[in-house]
Amino acid sequence: MNSNDRIQEIEIRITFLENTVEELNQQLASVTQEFSLAKQAMRLMHQRLEQMQSNDPESDDFSDDTPPPHY
């Protein structure tokens, strides 16, 4: 293998690696966006749950609940 062949092989590998890095960057950006949306949805659900509990203060007091008849 002469030096021109080696240089061409290295250039091909670099091009492949550059494409791989670009694809991984795009996938990471997509996953990051999905994670942000899921995090936002979780915060919203948490806020709604807190609002529901504050509107019905007895909802979180399970000590007086009697078990269902099948127990």
C-alpha atoms as a PDB file:
ATOM      1  CA  MET A   1       0.000   0.000   0.000  1.00  0.00           C
ATOM      2  CA  ASN A   2       1.595   3.247  -1.113  1.00  0.00           C
ATOM      3  CA  SER A   3       1.232   6.575   0.639  1.00  0.00           C
ATOM      4  CA  ASN A   4      -1.503   7.844  -1.721  1.00  0.00           C
ATOM      5  CA  ASP A   5      -3.602   4.767  -0.990  1.00  0.00           C
ATOM      6  CA  ARG A   6      -3.077   5.221   2.725  1.00  0.00           C
ATOM      7  CA  ILE A   7      -4.050   8.887   2.550  1.00  0.00           C
ATOM      8  CA  GLN A   8      -7.173   8.025   0.557  1.00  0.00           C
ATOM      9  CA  GLU A   9      -8.097   5.307   3.090  1.00  0.00           C
ATOM     10  CA  ILE A  10      -7.632   7.759   5.968  1.00  0.00           C
ATOM     11  CA  GLU A  11      -9.753  10.376   4.178  1.00  0.00           C
ATOM     12  CA  ILE A  12     -12.523   7.806   3.655  1.00  0.00           C
ATOM     13  CA  ARG A  13     -12.419   6.874   7.340  1.00  0.00           C
ATOM     14  CA  ILE A  14     -12.498  10.522   8.406  1.00  0.00           C
ATOM     15  CA  THR A  15     -15.514  11.170   6.180  1.00  0.00           C
ATOM     16  CA  PHE A  16     -17.284   8.134   7.649  1.00  0.00           C
ATOM     17  CA  LEU A  17     -16.486   9.293  11.198  1.00  0.00           C
ATOM     18  CA  GLU A  18     -17.689  12.823  10.453  1.00  0.00           C
ATOM     19  CA  ASN A  19     -20.995  11.438   9.161  1.00  0.00           C
ATOM     20  CA  THR A  20     -21.329   9.223  12.223  1.00  0.00           C
ATOM     21  CA  VAL A  21     -20.687  12.152  14.563  1.00  0.00           C
ATOM     22  CA  GLU A  22     -23.297  14.248  12.740  1.00  0.00           C
ATOM     23  CA  GLU A  23     -25.894  11.464  12.994  1.00  0.00           C
ATOM     24  CA  LEU A  24     -25.170  11.015  16.691  1.00  0.00           C
ATOM     25  CA  ASN A  25     -25.477  14.762  17.274  1.00  0.00           C
ATOM     26  CA  GLN A  26     -28.883  14.767  15.577  1.00  0.00           C
ATOM     27  CA  GLN A  27     -30.047  11.800  17.644  1.00  0.00           C
ATOM     28  CA  LEU A  28     -28.806  13.436  20.837  1.00  0.00           C
ATOM     29  CA  ALA A  29     -30.643  16.648  19.999  1.00  0.00           C
ATOM     30  CA  SER A  30     -33.825  14.674  19.384  1.00  0.00           C
ATOM     31  CA  VAL A  31     -33.536  12.731  22.650  1.00  0.00           C
ATOM     32  CA  THR A  32     -32.755  15.928  24.547  1.00  0.00           C
ATOM     33  CA  GLN A  33     -35.889  17.562  23.153  1.00  0.00           C
ATOM     34  CA  GLU A  34     -38.026  14.523  24.022  1.00  0.00           C
ATOM     35  CA  PHE A  35     -36.579  14.502  27.544  1.00  0.00           C
ATOM     36  CA  SER A  36     -37.371  18.187  27.985  1.00  0.00           C
ATOM     37  CA  LEU A  37     -40.957  17.636  26.865  1.00  0.00           C
ATOM     38  CA  ALA A  38     -41.358  14.670  29.219  1.00  0.00           C
ATOM     39  CA  LYS A  39     -39.888  16.671  32.087  1.00  0.00           C
ATOM     40  CA  GLN A  40     -42.285  19.539  31.381  1.00  0.00           C
ATOM     41  CA  ALA A  41     -45.251  17.145  31.255  1.00  0.00           C
ATOM     42  CA  MET A  42     -44.199  15.602  34.563  1.00  0.00           C
ATOM     43  CA  ARG A  43     -44.001  19.040  36.194  1.00  0.00           C
ATOM     44  CA  LEU A  44     -47.459  19.901  34.868  1.00  0.00           C
ATOM     45  CA  MET A  45     -48.937  16.645  36.175  1.00  0.00           C
ATOM     46  CA  HIS A  46     -47.303  17.250  39.551  1.00  0.00           C
ATOM     47  CA  GLN A  47     -48.774  20.748  39.708  1.00  0.00           C
ATOM     48  CA  ARG A  48     -52.219  19.454  38.806  1.00  0.00           C
ATOM     49  CA  LEU A  49     -51.968  16.723  41.433  1.00  0.00           C
ATOM     50  CA  GLU A  50     -51.014  19.280  44.065  1.00  0.00           C
ATOM     51  CA  GLN A  51     -53.956  21.473  43.023  1.00  0.00           C
ATOM     52  CA  MET A  52     -56.338  18.545  43.251  1.00  0.00           C
ATOM     53  CA  GLN A  53     -55.035  17.646  46.691  1.00  0.00           C
ATOM     54  CA  SER A  54     -55.267  21.232  47.915  1.00  0.00           C
ATOM     55  CA  ASN A  55     -58.879  21.458  46.689  1.00  0.00           C
ATOM     56  CA  ASP A  56     -59.791  18.284  48.600  1.00  0.00           C
ATOM     57  CA  PRO A  57     -57.735  18.240  51.815  1.00  0.00           C
ATOM     58  CA  GLU A  58     -59.283  14.946  52.920  1.00  0.00           C
ATOM     59  CA  SER A  59     -58.147  13.160  49.766  1.00  0.00           C
ATOM     60  CA  ASP A  60     -54.739  12.282  51.174  1.00  0.00           C
ATOM     61  CA  ASP A  61     -56.005  11.139  54.582  1.00  0.00           C
ATOM     62  CA  PHE A  62     -56.400   7.392  54.193  1.00  0.00           C
ATOM     63  CA  SER A  63     -56.321   6.536  57.889  1.00  0.00           C
ATOM     64  CA  ASP A  64     -60.125   6.641  58.256  1.00  0.00           C
ATOM     65  CA  ASP A  65     -60.824   4.649  55.112  1.00  0.00           C
ATOM     66  CA  THR A  66     -62.424   1.336  55.729  1.00  0.00           C
ATOM     67  CA  PRO A  67     -61.289  -1.514  53.540  1.00  0.00           C
ATOM     68  CA  PRO A  68     -63.572  -2.607  50.747  1.00  0.00           C
ATOM     69  CA  PRO A  69     -66.074  -5.363  51.604  1.00  0.00           C
ATOM     70  CA  HIS A  70     -64.116  -8.083  49.851  1.00  0.00           C
ATOM     71  CA  TYR A  71     -61.246  -7.831  52.370  1.00  0.00           C
END
